């Protein structure tokens, strides 16, 4: 997931630098556990979040979204 997430982040403006992280988070499903990935950019301190499930509570905060393969 890390490589796919970072490649997608670069297409929407991540410079490749990291101020904090990377962090992983877990999403509990009915019968499984999904893992997400976050980095905070040093340059402008934007956060980039990759999740296998929609995180609708972030919709008002997102500047740009992209789908990962």
N, C-alpha and C. Protein backbone atom coordinates (compact mmCIF):
# COMPACT_ATOMS: atom_id res chain seq x y z
N UNK A 1 0.81 -1.19 0.00
CA UNK A 1 0.00 0.00 0.00
C UNK A 1 0.86 1.27 0.00
N UNK A 2 1.96 1.26 0.74
CA UNK A 2 2.81 2.44 0.87
C UNK A 2 3.26 2.97 -0.49
N UNK A 3 3.79 2.10 -1.34
CA UNK A 3 4.29 2.54 -2.64
C UNK A 3 3.17 3.09 -3.52
N UNK A 4 2.02 2.41 -3.53
CA UNK A 4 0.88 2.88 -4.32
C UNK A 4 0.39 4.23 -3.80
N UNK A 5 0.29 4.36 -2.49
CA UNK A 5 -0.18 5.61 -1.89
C UNK A 5 0.75 6.76 -2.22
N UNK A 6 2.04 6.56 -2.05
CA UNK A 6 2.99 7.64 -2.32
C UNK A 6 3.02 8.02 -3.78
N UNK A 7 2.88 7.07 -4.68
CA UNK A 7 2.81 7.39 -6.11
C UNK A 7 1.57 8.23 -6.40
N UNK A 8 0.45 7.87 -5.80
CA UNK A 8 -0.79 8.65 -6.00
C UNK A 8 -0.67 10.04 -5.37
N UNK A 9 -0.06 10.13 -4.19
CA UNK A 9 0.14 11.43 -3.55
C UNK A 9 0.93 12.37 -4.45
N UNK A 10 1.94 11.84 -5.12
CA UNK A 10 2.77 12.68 -6.00
C UNK A 10 1.97 13.24 -7.17
N UNK A 11 0.94 12.53 -7.62
CA UNK A 11 0.12 13.03 -8.73
C UNK A 11 -0.78 14.18 -8.30
N UNK A 12 -0.96 14.37 -6.99
CA UNK A 12 -1.81 15.46 -6.52
C UNK A 12 -1.04 16.48 -5.68
N UNK A 13 0.29 16.49 -5.83
CA UNK A 13 1.06 17.57 -5.25
C UNK A 13 2.01 17.26 -4.12
N UNK A 14 2.11 16.00 -3.69
CA UNK A 14 3.07 15.69 -2.63
C UNK A 14 4.47 15.80 -3.19
N UNK A 15 5.34 16.55 -2.50
CA UNK A 15 6.71 16.78 -2.96
C UNK A 15 7.65 15.63 -2.58
N UNK A 16 7.16 14.68 -1.79
CA UNK A 16 7.99 13.56 -1.38
C UNK A 16 8.69 13.76 -0.05
N UNK A 17 8.48 14.93 0.56
CA UNK A 17 9.08 15.18 1.86
C UNK A 17 8.06 14.87 2.96
N UNK A 18 8.56 14.57 4.14
CA UNK A 18 7.68 14.18 5.24
C UNK A 18 8.04 14.95 6.49
N UNK A 19 7.07 15.63 7.06
CA UNK A 19 7.25 16.31 8.35
C UNK A 19 6.90 15.37 9.49
N UNK A 20 5.80 14.63 9.32
CA UNK A 20 5.37 13.66 10.32
C UNK A 20 4.90 12.40 9.63
N UNK A 21 5.11 11.28 10.30
CA UNK A 21 4.65 10.02 9.74
C UNK A 21 5.79 9.29 9.06
N UNK A 22 5.50 8.30 8.30
CA UNK A 22 4.16 7.90 7.90
C UNK A 22 3.41 7.23 9.06
N UNK A 23 2.09 7.34 8.99
CA UNK A 23 1.21 6.71 9.96
C UNK A 23 0.31 5.72 9.22
N UNK A 24 -0.01 4.66 9.90
CA UNK A 24 -0.98 3.69 9.39
C UNK A 24 -2.19 3.71 10.31
N UNK A 25 -3.37 3.46 9.76
CA UNK A 25 -4.56 3.38 10.58
C UNK A 25 -5.38 2.18 10.13
N UNK A 26 -6.21 1.69 11.03
CA UNK A 26 -7.02 0.51 10.75
C UNK A 26 -8.50 0.88 10.69
N UNK A 27 -9.20 0.25 9.74
CA UNK A 27 -10.65 0.39 9.60
C UNK A 27 -11.26 -0.99 9.78
N UNK A 28 -12.10 -1.12 10.75
CA UNK A 28 -12.72 -2.40 11.06
C UNK A 28 -13.97 -2.60 10.21
N UNK A 29 -13.99 -3.68 9.43
CA UNK A 29 -15.15 -4.05 8.65
C UNK A 29 -15.94 -5.12 9.36
N UNK A 30 -16.95 -5.66 8.69
CA UNK A 30 -17.76 -6.71 9.30
C UNK A 30 -16.94 -7.96 9.61
N UNK A 31 -16.05 -8.33 8.68
CA UNK A 31 -15.28 -9.56 8.86
C UNK A 31 -13.79 -9.38 8.59
N UNK A 32 -13.35 -8.14 8.36
CA UNK A 32 -11.94 -7.94 8.04
C UNK A 32 -11.45 -6.60 8.58
N UNK A 33 -10.17 -6.37 8.42
CA UNK A 33 -9.52 -5.15 8.84
C UNK A 33 -8.81 -4.56 7.63
N UNK A 34 -9.06 -3.29 7.35
CA UNK A 34 -8.40 -2.59 6.24
C UNK A 34 -7.39 -1.59 6.81
N UNK A 35 -6.31 -1.38 6.08
CA UNK A 35 -5.24 -0.49 6.54
C UNK A 35 -5.14 0.73 5.63
N UNK A 36 -5.03 1.91 6.24
CA UNK A 36 -4.83 3.15 5.52
C UNK A 36 -3.46 3.74 5.83
N UNK A 37 -3.10 4.83 5.13
CA UNK A 37 -1.74 5.39 5.18
C UNK A 37 -1.82 6.91 5.14
N UNK A 38 -1.05 7.59 5.99
CA UNK A 38 -1.05 9.05 6.05
C UNK A 38 0.39 9.56 6.12
N UNK A 39 0.67 10.64 5.39
CA UNK A 39 1.92 11.39 5.58
C UNK A 39 1.58 12.88 5.66
N UNK A 40 2.38 13.61 6.42
CA UNK A 40 2.24 15.06 6.50
C UNK A 40 3.46 15.66 5.84
N UNK A 41 3.21 16.48 4.83
CA UNK A 41 4.29 17.06 4.01
C UNK A 41 5.02 18.16 4.78
N UNK A 42 6.34 18.19 4.68
CA UNK A 42 7.15 19.23 5.32
C UNK A 42 6.93 20.58 4.66
N UNK A 43 6.91 20.61 3.34
CA UNK A 43 6.88 21.84 2.56
C UNK A 43 5.74 22.78 2.96
N UNK A 44 4.51 22.33 2.86
CA UNK A 44 3.37 23.19 3.17
C UNK A 44 2.47 22.60 4.24
N UNK A 45 2.93 21.51 4.82
CA UNK A 45 2.27 20.83 5.94
C UNK A 45 0.90 20.26 5.60
N UNK A 46 0.64 20.02 4.33
CA UNK A 46 -0.58 19.31 3.95
C UNK A 46 -0.47 17.86 4.35
N UNK A 47 -1.60 17.25 4.67
CA UNK A 47 -1.66 15.81 4.95
C UNK A 47 -2.21 15.08 3.74
N UNK A 48 -1.64 13.94 3.46
CA UNK A 48 -2.10 13.08 2.37
C UNK A 48 -2.55 11.77 2.99
N UNK A 49 -3.79 11.36 2.67
CA UNK A 49 -4.41 10.20 3.27
C UNK A 49 -4.80 9.22 2.18
N UNK A 50 -4.40 7.96 2.34
CA UNK A 50 -4.82 6.89 1.43
C UNK A 50 -5.64 5.90 2.24
N UNK A 51 -6.83 5.58 1.76
CA UNK A 51 -7.71 4.67 2.47
C UNK A 51 -8.39 3.72 1.50
N UNK A 52 -8.51 2.45 1.86
CA UNK A 52 -9.22 1.51 1.00
C UNK A 52 -10.73 1.70 1.06
N UNK A 53 -11.20 2.46 2.04
CA UNK A 53 -12.63 2.75 2.19
C UNK A 53 -12.83 4.26 2.16
N UNK A 54 -13.98 4.73 1.67
CA UNK A 54 -14.25 6.17 1.70
C UNK A 54 -14.26 6.70 3.14
N UNK A 55 -13.65 7.85 3.33
CA UNK A 55 -13.63 8.52 4.63
C UNK A 55 -14.48 9.78 4.51
N UNK A 56 -15.78 9.60 4.49
CA UNK A 56 -16.70 10.71 4.19
C UNK A 56 -16.60 11.85 5.20
N UNK A 57 -16.15 11.58 6.40
CA UNK A 57 -16.01 12.65 7.40
C UNK A 57 -14.89 13.64 7.02
N UNK A 58 -14.05 13.28 6.06
CA UNK A 58 -12.99 14.18 5.59
C UNK A 58 -13.40 14.98 4.35
N UNK A 59 -14.59 14.73 3.81
CA UNK A 59 -15.00 15.36 2.55
C UNK A 59 -14.87 16.88 2.56
N UNK A 60 -15.24 17.53 3.61
CA UNK A 60 -15.16 18.99 3.67
C UNK A 60 -13.74 19.52 3.79
N UNK A 61 -12.80 18.65 4.11
CA UNK A 61 -11.41 19.06 4.29
C UNK A 61 -10.53 18.78 3.08
N UNK A 62 -10.99 17.93 2.19
CA UNK A 62 -10.16 17.49 1.07
C UNK A 62 -10.06 18.57 0.00
N UNK A 63 -8.85 18.82 -0.46
CA UNK A 63 -8.63 19.72 -1.58
C UNK A 63 -8.74 18.98 -2.89
N UNK A 64 -8.28 17.73 -2.88
CA UNK A 64 -8.27 16.95 -4.12
C UNK A 64 -8.30 15.47 -3.75
N UNK A 65 -8.98 14.69 -4.59
CA UNK A 65 -9.06 13.25 -4.36
C UNK A 65 -8.61 12.54 -5.63
N UNK A 66 -8.06 11.35 -5.43
CA UNK A 66 -7.69 10.49 -6.56
C UNK A 66 -7.89 9.04 -6.16
N UNK A 67 -8.19 8.21 -7.11
CA UNK A 67 -8.37 6.78 -6.87
C UNK A 67 -7.04 6.07 -7.03
N UNK A 68 -6.76 5.12 -6.16
CA UNK A 68 -5.56 4.29 -6.27
C UNK A 68 -5.96 2.95 -6.78
N UNK A 69 -5.32 2.53 -7.89
CA UNK A 69 -5.49 1.30 -8.60
C UNK A 69 -6.23 0.24 -7.96
